[in-house]
Every structure is written in structure tokens, then in C-alpha cells.
Amino acid sequence: MLTLKQIYDDKARIIAGLEKKHFAGAAEVIDEVLRLDGERKSAQQQKDAAAAEMNKISKSIGQLMAQGKREEAEAAKAQTGKLKDDLAIYDVRMKEAEEAQTKLLLTIPNVPYDIVPEGASAEDNLAVTIGNWPNQPMIDAIAKNGAVALRDWDTATDEAIADDRLTKCSGGEPLAPHWELAKKYNLIDFDLGVKISGAGFPVYIGQGARLQRALINFFLAEANKAGYTEIMPPTVVNAASGYGTGQLPDKEGQMYHCEVDDLYLIPTAEVPLTNLYRDVIIDEKELPIKNCAYTECFRREAGSYGKDVRGLNRLHEFSKIEIVRIDTPEHSDASHKEMLAHVEGLLQKLELPYRILRLSGGDMSFTAALCYDFEVYSEAQHRWLEVSSTSNFDTYQANRLKCRYRRAEDKKVTLCHTLNGSALALPRIVAALLENNQTPEGIRIPAALQPFFGDDMIR
């Protein structure tokens, strides 16, 4: 949530940033926030004046009684009674203005950093890195310019490279998509998932379940080596936790809600991990805090349909390892870069072709100030699959959470910065591993994953 100080200090920049995120009526909404704050302040001033007057009159009552001025004393008592009623009215006005202001602030997204590109959709995202990918012209373009807009990405070249790799498949047969491979090797049963739960809830079997467990353990082991403390949090949270990290009210329709208990199934471990520090003041010497967690994640994904949701491409329940940091404003940029390097290292070790995108204002999440997506290439589907979003939220979540730290230098209490990233989400990683590593003998397991899987192939 934006702070009032941010809005008062830099109103024009706030409005411009909200417009970059395509937040409708940014100027009008910000003006309404300030109007409500003025209304609250006015009621506060009236309350303070009435309280001071009541205190003054109350002191005079005893003096009037001592002087035998009973009628004047009684009139003074009546006046204090009226002022007491006025105080109650001013309290109500203050509370109503403050509640309306907070409700409005909760609907306003975070303001993107200046380096966030302009744009209305994913086509305006910038590719800033390509790894394990033989498309030399694109690599050269990024090395020269620092970024390539996806609208300028050479899709034809992508497909030509993929087609070239197809000839390496046994007998020149086309590469199979992961849902066919899952059936061929009895790894995942999508129909059974529909039977016991519904679409988007796959059942992993045998080597498929073992591959899931191998990836979870590999990602957790890598996070541990990078200095993250593993946490095992609940996978249901209360509404306060949802509001704290910004899923509520923005994503309420996308979350599974247990109405009787007013609890929500988590869409990501970011929610419980970050809420560990709700209403907490942290000593600066404890920062940065680095936590990670493996959890199941639940998303309704209402309205999703078509080829983009086939197989593992989009699920309602999936496994994910999340990394979360709490840091000082001065160090959060360095923390973000370290997180990006960690996620990139995982994809390099899995030997998957990947690219890193800096998201445009129109494609960023509600809460992020700066976000990078990682995508892996699916050679069988001829498309890029998002596997991680790694974001810096600046003070936006911390203000909602009242997550603060005490500075060592002057003991001043100020808002932290919060950051999080997927490291990594499993479904599309599994899809890319199966599709990109199919051979006549079976599915090759990358060397870094073999100790966790217990074999070098799925046969």
C-alpha cells in the first residue's frame, strides 16, 4: 500500500507511475485519497479544539461553584455535555474518513520503478538475457542493446531452430508434447485427476512422482546452499495475511476461499512467508532475512481455456519453491540481483533454454515495483513457458504488513523492503524437461538432477 507521505511528497510521480501500470483514473483516485485525508484532518482539528474547550470549561466549573455562581456553573456543565456529544461526532467522521481512505488505498497498485518499460501487455516486455539458447542473432542484439522487446522477437527463427532439433529425434519423428510423453511413460494421469478433483489437478505416478520429489529436493538444496532458511508454513491463511501481501482484494476471485472458516488456500508461499513479519519490528543487524519454502499452491485460474492450459501448462494445484527476502531500502536492489542470479543458476544447471524478461508496466503484478520473469523454451510446443517471477515490492507490502526495522545508526523505525521469487514452480519445468530431453531410449535427466532422481533416464 502506498503511504500518504509518498503521495504528498511526490504526487505527480505517483500518478505517472500508476498510469504506466494502466491504472484507470489514477489522478482522480489520488485526489480522492487526499480529499479524504483532508476530511480526516479537519475532523481531528475540530475534535482537538472541542476537547481543549471542554477541558477549559470543566476547570472553570469548580471555580464558579466556589464563587456561588450556581447558574453559570450549570450552564457550563450543559456546554461540556454538548461538547462531549460533538467529540463523538468528530470521532465518527474521523473513523469514516480513515476507513474510506484505507479502503481506497488498498485498491491502488504499487508504483513501478523508472526502469520498468512502458507498455500495455506482454508484447512490451523486454528480453534482457538469453541462456542455453542457440539463437545467436538475439543473443548479439541483447549484448549490444541490453534488451529486446518481445514484439521484435524473431518467432520464425525460434521455430526454425526447434524444427532443426526435431530432425535429431529418432527416425525424424516430431518431438512429442509432455502430455503424450506422460502417458507413454506412465508419469502423470490427467484423467484420474479429473475423476477425483477436476481439471487442473493431475495425479503423478511412479517416475513422475519421483521426478517431482527430485526437483523439490534439488531446489531446496540449492536454496539452502544460497543461505536461505527453509520454512514449512501453513497452506491456508486468514484474510489479514491476504491483505498483507496484496492478494486481497486484488486477486480475491482467483483464490480458493474456505467460507465457513474465512480462510484462503495460498496461491504462493510468498503469502505465509512474508506474513511471518507482519506487525514486527526487526533489528537492522538481522537483515537481510532470507527464507524459502516448498508448498502446494492453489489458483482458480478462472476463465483459462484453450491450448495454453493443456497438460501442465496451467494448473489449479501445483508444487513450488519460493524464496523471500526482507531487507533495507539501501540493499534491496542488490538482494534482487542476487535472487535473479540464483534462479538463473537453477535453469543453467537444468540445462534448459531460458530467457529473462523485464516486465512492462501493463504486464506487472498489482504489488510489484520491478519484476523479472524467467521463461523456458518448450521445443515440442514451440513456445516459451513462464516458470518464475522475481519481484521487488519496495515498501508497498511492508506498509500493508507494518513490517519495519530499527536502524542501527539512529534507532529510527522505518519500513522494510520485501522481495520474492519462484525458485522454481514445477509444472512447466517438468513439461520442458520432458519435451526437451526426449531420446529414442527415454527421457534424459540433467546431470545436476540425477543424484536426486536416482537415475540418468526415464525409461
Protein backbone atom coordinates (compact mmCIF):
# COMPACT_ATOMS: atom_id res chain seq x y z
CA MET A 1 0.00 0.00 0.00
CA LEU A 2 1.29 3.46 -0.87
CA THR A 3 1.99 5.68 2.10
CA LEU A 4 0.39 9.11 2.43
CA LYS A 5 3.88 10.60 2.70
CA GLN A 6 4.77 9.15 -0.72
CA ILE A 7 1.62 10.68 -2.21
CA TYR A 8 2.08 14.10 -0.59
CA ASP A 9 5.82 14.25 -1.34
CA ASP A 10 5.68 13.14 -4.97
CA LYS A 11 2.11 13.24 -6.22
CA ALA A 12 2.99 13.79 -9.89
CA ARG A 13 5.44 10.85 -9.97
CA ILE A 14 2.91 8.58 -8.24
CA ILE A 15 0.21 9.42 -10.80
CA ALA A 16 2.63 8.93 -13.71
CA GLY A 17 3.70 5.55 -12.29
CA LEU A 18 0.11 4.41 -11.87
CA GLU A 19 -0.62 5.43 -15.45
CA LYS A 20 2.38 3.34 -16.55
CA LYS A 21 0.60 0.41 -14.90
CA HIS A 22 -2.58 1.40 -16.78
CA PHE A 23 -4.46 2.03 -13.55
CA ALA A 24 -7.68 3.72 -14.64
CA GLY A 25 -8.40 7.19 -13.27
CA ALA A 26 -5.09 7.47 -11.40
CA ALA A 27 -5.26 11.23 -10.90
CA GLU A 28 -8.87 11.17 -9.71
CA VAL A 29 -8.23 8.32 -7.27
CA ILE A 30 -5.17 10.02 -5.79
CA ASP A 31 -7.12 13.28 -5.45
CA GLU A 32 -9.87 11.40 -3.62
CA VAL A 33 -7.32 9.87 -1.22
CA LEU A 34 -6.03 13.36 -0.43
CA ARG A 35 -9.57 14.74 -0.08
CA LEU A 36 -10.42 12.03 2.44
CA ASP A 37 -7.20 12.74 4.29
CA GLY A 38 -8.15 16.42 4.42
CA GLU A 39 -11.57 15.44 5.78
CA ARG A 40 -9.93 13.29 8.44
CA LYS A 41 -7.53 16.07 9.41
CA SER A 42 -10.37 18.59 9.60
CA ALA A 43 -12.35 16.31 11.92
CA GLN A 44 -9.22 15.77 14.01
CA GLN A 45 -8.68 19.53 14.32
CA GLN A 46 -12.32 20.08 15.31
CA LYS A 47 -12.06 17.28 17.86
CA ASP A 48 -8.85 18.71 19.33
CA ALA A 49 -10.40 22.19 19.56
CA ALA A 50 -13.56 20.84 21.19
CA ALA A 51 -11.52 18.76 23.64
CA ALA A 52 -9.43 21.80 24.60
CA GLU A 53 -12.56 23.93 25.07
CA MET A 54 -14.23 21.21 27.15
CA ASN A 55 -11.14 20.91 29.33
CA LYS A 56 -11.07 24.68 29.84
CA ILE A 57 -14.77 24.86 30.75
CA SER A 58 -14.52 21.84 33.05
CA LYS A 59 -11.81 23.59 35.05
CA SER A 60 -13.97 26.68 35.40
CA ILE A 61 -16.96 24.81 36.84
CA GLY A 62 -15.36 24.31 40.24
CA GLN A 63 -14.36 27.95 40.44
CA LEU A 64 -17.89 29.09 39.57
CA MET A 65 -19.40 26.83 42.21
CA ALA A 66 -16.93 28.13 44.81
CA GLN A 67 -17.94 31.69 43.92
CA GLY A 68 -21.60 30.80 44.38
CA LYS A 69 -22.36 31.22 40.71
CA ARG A 70 -24.50 28.12 40.51
CA GLU A 71 -26.48 29.06 37.38
CA GLU A 72 -23.30 29.83 35.45
CA ALA A 73 -21.80 26.55 36.66
CA GLU A 74 -24.86 24.62 35.48
CA ALA A 75 -24.69 26.37 32.08
CA ALA A 76 -21.01 25.39 31.85
CA LYS A 77 -21.90 21.78 32.62
CA ALA A 78 -24.51 21.82 29.84
CA GLN A 79 -21.92 23.24 27.46
CA THR A 80 -19.45 20.46 28.30
CA GLY A 81 -22.22 17.93 27.65
CA LYS A 82 -22.77 19.38 24.19
CA LEU A 83 -19.02 19.39 23.52
CA LYS A 84 -18.87 15.74 24.58
CA ASP A 85 -21.55 14.94 22.00
CA ASP A 86 -19.57 16.91 19.41
CA LEU A 87 -16.44 14.87 20.23
CA ALA A 88 -18.34 11.68 19.49
CA ILE A 89 -19.49 13.13 16.14
CA TYR A 90 -15.94 14.15 15.23
CA ASP A 91 -14.69 10.67 16.18
CA VAL A 92 -17.21 9.09 13.81
CA ARG A 93 -16.24 11.49 11.00
CA MET A 94 -12.55 10.73 11.53
CA LYS A 95 -13.17 6.98 11.55
CA GLU A 96 -15.35 7.07 8.44
CA ALA A 97 -12.84 9.19 6.51
CA GLU A 98 -9.93 7.00 7.59
CA GLU A 99 -11.74 3.76 6.72
CA ALA A 100 -12.78 5.12 3.30
CA GLN A 101 -9.23 6.29 2.69
CA THR A 102 -7.70 2.92 3.65
CA LYS A 103 -10.24 1.03 1.53
CA LEU A 104 -9.33 3.20 -1.44
CA LEU A 105 -5.57 2.87 -0.84
CA LEU A 106 -5.93 -0.92 -0.87
CA THR A 107 -7.23 -0.74 -4.46
CA ILE A 108 -4.24 1.28 -5.72
CA PRO A 109 -1.36 -0.79 -7.16
CA ASN A 110 2.31 -0.26 -6.45
CA VAL A 111 4.20 2.34 -8.47
CA PRO A 112 6.75 0.84 -10.91
CA TYR A 113 10.39 1.86 -10.88
CA ASP A 114 11.68 4.14 -13.61
CA ILE A 115 13.48 1.26 -15.41
CA VAL A 116 10.17 -0.56 -15.94
CA PRO A 117 9.38 -0.28 -19.67
CA GLU A 118 6.24 1.39 -20.93
CA GLY A 119 3.68 -0.97 -22.38
CA ALA A 120 0.20 -2.39 -22.14
CA SER A 121 0.84 -6.13 -22.47
CA ALA A 122 3.37 -8.96 -22.53
CA GLU A 123 4.44 -7.92 -26.03
CA ASP A 124 6.05 -4.85 -24.48
CA ASN A 125 8.22 -6.87 -22.07
CA LEU A 126 11.96 -6.68 -22.66
CA ALA A 127 14.17 -9.75 -23.01
CA VAL A 128 17.34 -8.86 -21.11
CA THR A 129 19.09 -12.26 -21.04
CA ILE A 130 19.08 -15.45 -23.09
CA GLY A 131 20.73 -18.60 -21.78
CA ASN A 132 21.38 -22.13 -23.11
CA TRP A 133 19.85 -20.93 -26.39
CA PRO A 134 21.49 -21.15 -29.84
CA ASN A 135 19.74 -18.11 -31.34
CA GLN A 136 22.92 -16.09 -31.86
CA PRO A 137 21.30 -13.04 -33.53
CA MET A 138 19.08 -12.48 -30.50
CA ILE A 139 21.97 -13.01 -28.10
CA ASP A 140 24.01 -10.47 -30.07
CA ALA A 141 21.12 -8.00 -30.03
CA ILE A 142 20.79 -8.24 -26.26
CA ALA A 143 24.56 -7.93 -25.79
CA LYS A 144 24.53 -4.78 -27.93
CA ASN A 145 21.33 -3.10 -26.73
CA GLY A 146 20.80 -4.57 -23.27
CA ALA A 147 17.25 -5.66 -24.14
CA VAL A 148 14.97 -6.73 -26.98
CA ALA A 149 11.22 -6.03 -26.95
CA LEU A 150 9.19 -9.19 -27.37
CA ARG A 151 7.20 -7.56 -30.16
CA ASP A 152 10.53 -7.56 -32.08
CA TRP A 153 11.42 -11.15 -31.13
CA ASP A 154 12.10 -13.33 -34.14
CA THR A 155 9.46 -16.03 -33.68
CA ALA A 156 10.24 -17.52 -37.08
CA THR A 157 13.83 -18.07 -36.01
CA ASP A 158 12.63 -19.77 -32.84
CA GLU A 159 10.56 -22.21 -34.82
CA ALA A 160 13.31 -22.85 -37.37
CA ILE A 161 15.73 -23.74 -34.57
CA ALA A 162 13.14 -26.00 -32.98
CA ASP A 163 12.44 -27.65 -36.35
CA ASP A 164 16.16 -28.24 -36.80
CA ARG A 165 16.26 -30.06 -33.48
CA LEU A 166 13.28 -32.17 -34.49
CA THR A 167 15.44 -33.93 -37.06
CA LYS A 168 17.60 -35.19 -34.20
CA CYS A 169 14.67 -37.14 -32.83
CA SER A 170 14.64 -40.87 -33.56
CA GLY A 171 13.73 -41.54 -37.18
CA GLY A 172 12.94 -37.88 -37.80
CA GLU A 173 9.74 -38.21 -35.77
CA PRO A 174 8.38 -34.92 -34.36
CA LEU A 175 9.04 -34.22 -30.72
CA ALA A 176 6.07 -35.20 -28.57
CA PRO A 177 4.41 -32.75 -26.16
CA HIS A 178 4.73 -33.56 -22.47
CA TRP A 179 1.14 -34.82 -22.10
CA GLU A 180 1.87 -37.56 -24.67
CA LEU A 181 5.18 -38.39 -23.01
CA ALA A 182 3.48 -38.51 -19.61
CA LYS A 183 1.05 -41.11 -20.98
CA LYS A 184 3.76 -43.06 -22.82
CA TYR A 185 5.94 -43.45 -19.73
CA ASN A 186 3.04 -43.56 -17.23
CA LEU A 187 4.25 -40.42 -15.39
CA ILE A 188 1.09 -38.33 -14.99
CA ASP A 189 -2.58 -39.24 -15.24
CA PHE A 190 -4.67 -36.20 -16.06
CA ASP A 191 -7.92 -38.18 -16.36
CA LEU A 192 -7.59 -39.58 -12.85
CA GLY A 193 -7.13 -36.04 -11.57
CA VAL A 194 -10.38 -35.02 -13.25
CA LYS A 195 -12.11 -38.03 -11.70
CA ILE A 196 -11.12 -37.29 -8.10
CA SER A 197 -10.91 -33.46 -8.18
CA GLY A 198 -11.45 -31.84 -11.58
CA ALA A 199 -9.45 -30.41 -14.46
CA GLY A 200 -6.16 -28.87 -13.40
CA PHE A 201 -5.40 -31.39 -10.63
CA PRO A 202 -3.06 -34.03 -12.14
CA VAL A 203 -2.03 -37.29 -10.48
CA TYR A 204 1.71 -38.02 -10.59
CA ILE A 205 2.62 -41.69 -10.76
CA GLY A 206 5.83 -43.69 -10.29
CA GLN A 207 8.73 -42.00 -12.04
CA GLY A 208 6.57 -38.88 -12.49
CA ALA A 209 6.11 -38.58 -8.72
CA ARG A 210 9.81 -39.29 -8.25
CA LEU A 211 10.68 -36.51 -10.71
CA GLN A 212 8.51 -34.09 -8.74
CA ARG A 213 10.22 -35.06 -5.48
CA ALA A 214 13.67 -34.84 -7.11
CA LEU A 215 13.02 -31.30 -8.33
CA ILE A 216 11.64 -30.21 -4.94
CA ASN A 217 14.69 -31.57 -3.14
CA PHE A 218 17.09 -30.13 -5.73
CA PHE A 219 15.57 -26.66 -5.49
CA LEU A 220 15.54 -26.74 -1.68
CA ALA A 221 19.15 -27.96 -1.56
CA GLU A 222 20.21 -25.13 -3.87
CA ALA A 223 18.31 -22.59 -1.76
CA ASN A 224 20.00 -23.92 1.36
CA LYS A 225 23.41 -23.54 -0.27
CA ALA A 226 22.50 -19.94 -1.14
CA GLY A 227 21.81 -19.17 2.52
CA TYR A 228 18.00 -19.42 2.63
CA THR A 229 16.38 -20.79 5.79
CA GLU A 230 13.77 -23.40 4.98
CA ILE A 231 10.32 -22.79 6.46
CA MET A 232 7.34 -25.13 6.41
CA PRO A 233 4.35 -22.76 6.67
CA PRO A 234 0.58 -23.44 6.61
CA THR A 235 -1.04 -23.59 3.19
CA VAL A 236 -4.18 -21.84 4.40
CA VAL A 237 -4.10 -18.22 5.60
CA ASN A 238 -6.52 -15.73 7.09
CA ALA A 239 -7.77 -12.66 5.27
CA ALA A 240 -5.32 -10.37 7.09
CA SER A 241 -2.46 -12.32 5.51
CA GLY A 242 -4.02 -11.97 2.06
CA TYR A 243 -4.37 -8.21 2.54
CA GLY A 244 -0.84 -8.00 3.93
CA THR A 245 0.85 -9.19 0.74
CA GLY A 246 -1.70 -7.70 -1.66
CA GLN A 247 -3.55 -10.77 -2.94
CA LEU A 248 -6.65 -9.27 -1.33
CA PRO A 249 -8.68 -7.53 -2.51
CA ASP A 250 -6.95 -7.63 -5.93
CA LYS A 251 -6.97 -11.42 -6.54
CA GLU A 252 -9.87 -12.50 -4.36
CA GLY A 253 -11.66 -14.19 -7.26
CA GLN A 254 -8.55 -16.22 -8.11
CA MET A 255 -8.13 -17.66 -4.60
CA TYR A 256 -9.89 -20.69 -3.16
CA HIS A 257 -11.91 -19.47 -0.17
CA CYS A 258 -12.98 -21.69 2.75
CA GLU A 259 -16.05 -19.64 3.60
CA VAL A 260 -17.05 -21.26 6.90
CA ASP A 261 -13.67 -20.50 8.48
CA ASP A 262 -12.90 -17.44 6.31
CA LEU A 263 -9.55 -18.93 5.30
CA TYR A 264 -7.85 -18.95 1.89
CA LEU A 265 -5.73 -21.61 0.19
CA ILE A 266 -2.43 -19.96 -0.65
CA PRO A 267 -1.66 -19.09 -4.29
CA THR A 268 2.05 -18.96 -3.39
CA ALA A 269 4.25 -19.44 -0.33
CA GLU A 270 5.03 -15.72 -0.59
CA VAL A 271 1.86 -15.09 1.44
CA PRO A 272 2.68 -17.03 4.64
CA LEU A 273 6.44 -16.43 4.40
CA THR A 274 6.13 -12.65 4.17
CA ASN A 275 3.36 -12.51 6.77
CA LEU A 276 5.73 -14.02 9.32
CA TYR A 277 6.90 -10.41 9.72
CA ARG A 278 3.51 -8.72 9.89
CA ASP A 279 3.43 -6.22 12.80
CA VAL A 280 7.10 -6.94 13.55
CA ILE A 281 9.98 -4.50 14.16
CA ILE A 282 13.27 -6.13 13.10
CA ASP A 283 16.74 -5.06 14.23
CA GLU A 284 18.79 -3.91 11.24
CA LYS A 285 21.57 -6.37 12.09
CA GLU A 286 19.15 -9.23 11.31
CA LEU A 287 18.67 -8.06 7.71
CA PRO A 288 18.55 -9.31 5.05
CA ILE A 289 16.25 -12.13 6.14
CA LYS A 290 16.32 -14.95 3.58
CA ASN A 291 13.63 -17.65 3.77
CA CYS A 292 12.42 -20.34 1.39
CA ALA A 293 9.58 -22.83 1.41
CA TYR A 294 8.19 -25.71 -0.56
CA THR A 295 4.38 -25.69 -0.64
CA GLU A 296 1.49 -26.73 -2.77
CA CYS A 297 -0.11 -23.67 -4.41
CA PHE A 298 -3.75 -23.24 -5.38
CA ARG A 299 -5.16 -20.93 -8.06
CA ARG A 300 -8.63 -20.95 -9.54
CA GLU A 301 -7.38 -19.53 -12.86
CA ALA A 302 -10.94 -18.58 -13.74
CA GLY A 303 -11.52 -18.09 -17.45
CA SER A 304 -8.43 -20.06 -18.55
CA TYR A 305 -9.00 -22.29 -21.54
CA GLY A 306 -7.52 -23.43 -24.85
CA LYS A 307 -4.17 -24.86 -25.86
CA ASP A 308 -2.25 -22.74 -23.33
CA VAL A 309 -3.78 -24.71 -20.46
CA ARG A 310 -3.27 -28.23 -21.83
CA GLY A 311 -1.33 -30.71 -19.74
CA LEU A 312 0.88 -28.99 -17.15
CA ASN A 313 0.75 -25.58 -18.78
CA ARG A 314 -1.78 -24.19 -16.30
CA LEU A 315 -2.96 -25.98 -13.17
CA HIS A 316 -5.19 -25.27 -10.19
CA GLU A 317 -2.80 -27.05 -7.81
CA PHE A 318 0.95 -27.24 -8.24
CA SER A 319 4.22 -27.52 -6.32
CA LYS A 320 6.53 -24.54 -5.97
CA ILE A 321 9.60 -23.48 -4.06
CA GLU A 322 9.50 -19.80 -3.11
CA ILE A 323 12.33 -17.56 -1.93
CA VAL A 324 11.50 -14.45 0.12
CA ARG A 325 13.70 -11.65 1.41
CA ILE A 326 13.12 -8.84 3.92
CA ASP A 327 15.74 -6.12 3.50
CA THR A 328 16.66 -2.49 3.94
CA PRO A 329 15.85 0.01 1.17
CA GLU A 330 19.56 0.59 0.58
CA HIS A 331 20.31 -3.12 -0.03
CA SER A 332 17.13 -4.35 -1.72
CA ASP A 333 18.42 -3.79 -5.27
CA ALA A 334 21.47 -5.95 -4.53
CA SER A 335 19.17 -8.57 -2.97
CA HIS A 336 17.01 -8.58 -6.10
CA LYS A 337 20.04 -9.15 -8.32
CA GLU A 338 21.22 -12.00 -6.10
CA MET A 339 17.78 -13.62 -6.35
CA LEU A 340 17.83 -13.31 -10.14
CA ALA A 341 21.27 -14.91 -10.26
CA HIS A 342 20.03 -17.76 -8.05
CA VAL A 343 17.03 -18.54 -10.28
CA GLU A 344 19.16 -18.28 -13.41
CA GLY A 345 21.66 -20.70 -11.89
CA LEU A 346 18.91 -23.28 -11.40
CA LEU A 347 17.91 -23.12 -15.07
CA GLN A 348 21.54 -23.35 -16.16
CA LYS A 349 22.03 -26.48 -14.04
CA LEU A 350 18.86 -27.99 -15.52
CA GLU A 351 20.28 -27.24 -18.99
CA LEU A 352 17.04 -25.63 -20.16
CA PRO A 353 16.94 -22.87 -22.80
CA TYR A 354 15.70 -19.76 -20.97
CA ARG A 355 15.22 -16.05 -21.25
CA ILE A 356 14.80 -13.34 -18.62
CA LEU A 357 12.21 -10.64 -19.23
CA ARG A 358 11.84 -7.26 -17.57
CA LEU A 359 8.09 -6.81 -17.42
CA SER A 360 6.38 -3.72 -18.78
CA GLY A 361 4.09 -1.60 -16.65
CA GLY A 362 0.97 -3.14 -18.17
CA ASP A 363 2.09 -6.74 -17.54
CA MET A 364 3.33 -6.36 -13.97
CA SER A 365 1.56 -7.67 -10.91
CA PHE A 366 -0.53 -5.40 -8.71
CA THR A 367 2.09 -5.29 -5.94
CA ALA A 368 5.44 -5.25 -7.77
CA ALA A 369 7.63 -2.20 -8.29
CA LEU A 370 10.01 -4.18 -10.52
CA CYS A 371 9.56 -7.72 -11.85
CA TYR A 372 11.60 -10.10 -13.97
CA ASP A 373 10.04 -13.24 -15.44
CA PHE A 374 12.00 -16.36 -16.35
CA GLU A 375 10.73 -18.42 -19.27
CA VAL A 376 11.95 -21.77 -20.59
CA TYR A 377 11.53 -22.86 -24.17
CA SER A 378 9.30 -25.82 -24.98
CA GLU A 379 10.66 -27.35 -28.15
CA ALA A 380 7.67 -29.61 -28.68
CA GLN A 381 5.11 -26.82 -28.23
CA HIS A 382 7.19 -24.12 -29.93
CA ARG A 383 6.51 -21.68 -27.12
CA TRP A 384 8.04 -20.06 -24.08
CA LEU A 385 6.71 -21.11 -20.67
CA GLU A 386 6.90 -18.83 -17.64
CA VAL A 387 8.49 -20.60 -14.66
CA SER A 388 9.36 -17.77 -12.28
CA SER A 389 8.53 -14.18 -11.40
CA THR A 390 11.11 -12.46 -9.19
CA SER A 391 9.95 -9.14 -7.80
CA ASN A 392 10.95 -6.20 -5.63
CA PHE A 393 7.93 -4.69 -3.87
CA ASP A 394 9.78 -1.72 -2.33
CA THR A 395 7.82 -0.64 0.81
CA TYR A 396 4.40 -1.50 -0.69
CA GLN A 397 3.84 -4.82 1.08
CA ALA A 398 5.73 -3.70 4.19
CA ASN A 399 3.34 -0.78 4.66
CA ARG A 400 0.35 -3.13 4.48
CA LEU A 401 2.08 -5.55 6.85
CA LYS A 402 3.56 -2.90 9.17
CA CYS A 403 6.86 -4.75 8.65
CA ARG A 404 9.53 -2.37 9.91
CA TYR A 405 13.13 -2.36 11.07
CA ARG A 406 15.07 -0.33 13.63
CA ARG A 407 18.07 1.35 12.08
CA ALA A 408 21.34 0.70 13.89
CA GLU A 409 22.62 4.22 13.31
CA ASP A 410 19.85 6.32 14.86
CA LYS A 411 17.34 3.72 16.18
CA LYS A 412 14.71 5.16 13.85
CA VAL A 413 11.94 2.71 12.91
CA THR A 414 11.21 2.63 9.17
CA LEU A 415 9.57 0.37 6.59
CA CYS A 416 11.44 -2.62 5.17
CA HIS A 417 11.59 -3.66 1.53
CA THR A 418 10.15 -7.09 0.64
CA LEU A 419 11.15 -9.29 -2.30
CA ASN A 420 10.16 -12.73 -3.53
CA GLY A 421 10.67 -15.14 -6.39
CA SER A 422 9.77 -18.61 -7.61
CA ALA A 423 12.78 -20.89 -7.41
CA LEU A 424 11.09 -22.67 -9.06
CA ALA A 425 7.49 -23.59 -9.98
CA LEU A 426 7.45 -27.24 -11.04
CA PRO A 427 4.76 -27.86 -13.70
CA ARG A 428 6.29 -26.05 -16.66
CA ILE A 429 9.80 -27.08 -15.61
CA VAL A 430 8.62 -30.69 -15.80
CA ALA A 431 6.97 -30.01 -19.17
CA ALA A 432 10.17 -28.53 -20.61
CA LEU A 433 12.38 -31.25 -19.12
CA LEU A 434 10.25 -33.98 -20.67
CA GLU A 435 9.89 -32.33 -24.07
CA ASN A 436 13.45 -31.07 -24.47
CA ASN A 437 15.19 -34.23 -23.29
CA GLN A 438 13.30 -36.98 -25.14
CA THR A 439 15.53 -39.51 -26.89
CA PRO A 440 14.95 -42.91 -28.53
CA GLU A 441 15.99 -44.53 -25.23
CA GLY A 442 13.75 -42.41 -22.99
CA ILE A 443 13.81 -39.04 -21.23
CA ARG A 444 17.30 -37.85 -20.29
CA ILE A 445 17.67 -36.48 -16.75
CA PRO A 446 20.06 -33.49 -16.48
CA ALA A 447 23.27 -34.31 -14.60
CA ALA A 448 22.55 -31.91 -11.71
CA LEU A 449 19.21 -33.64 -11.08
CA GLN A 450 20.40 -37.25 -11.33
CA PRO A 451 21.55 -37.59 -7.66
CA PHE A 452 18.06 -36.54 -6.54
CA PHE A 453 16.20 -38.65 -9.10
CA GLY A 454 18.39 -41.72 -8.67
CA ASP A 455 18.86 -42.43 -12.38
CA ASP A 456 20.01 -40.77 -15.59
CA MET A 457 16.93 -41.62 -17.62
CA ILE A 458 13.18 -42.11 -17.50
CA ARG A 459 12.54 -45.33 -19.35
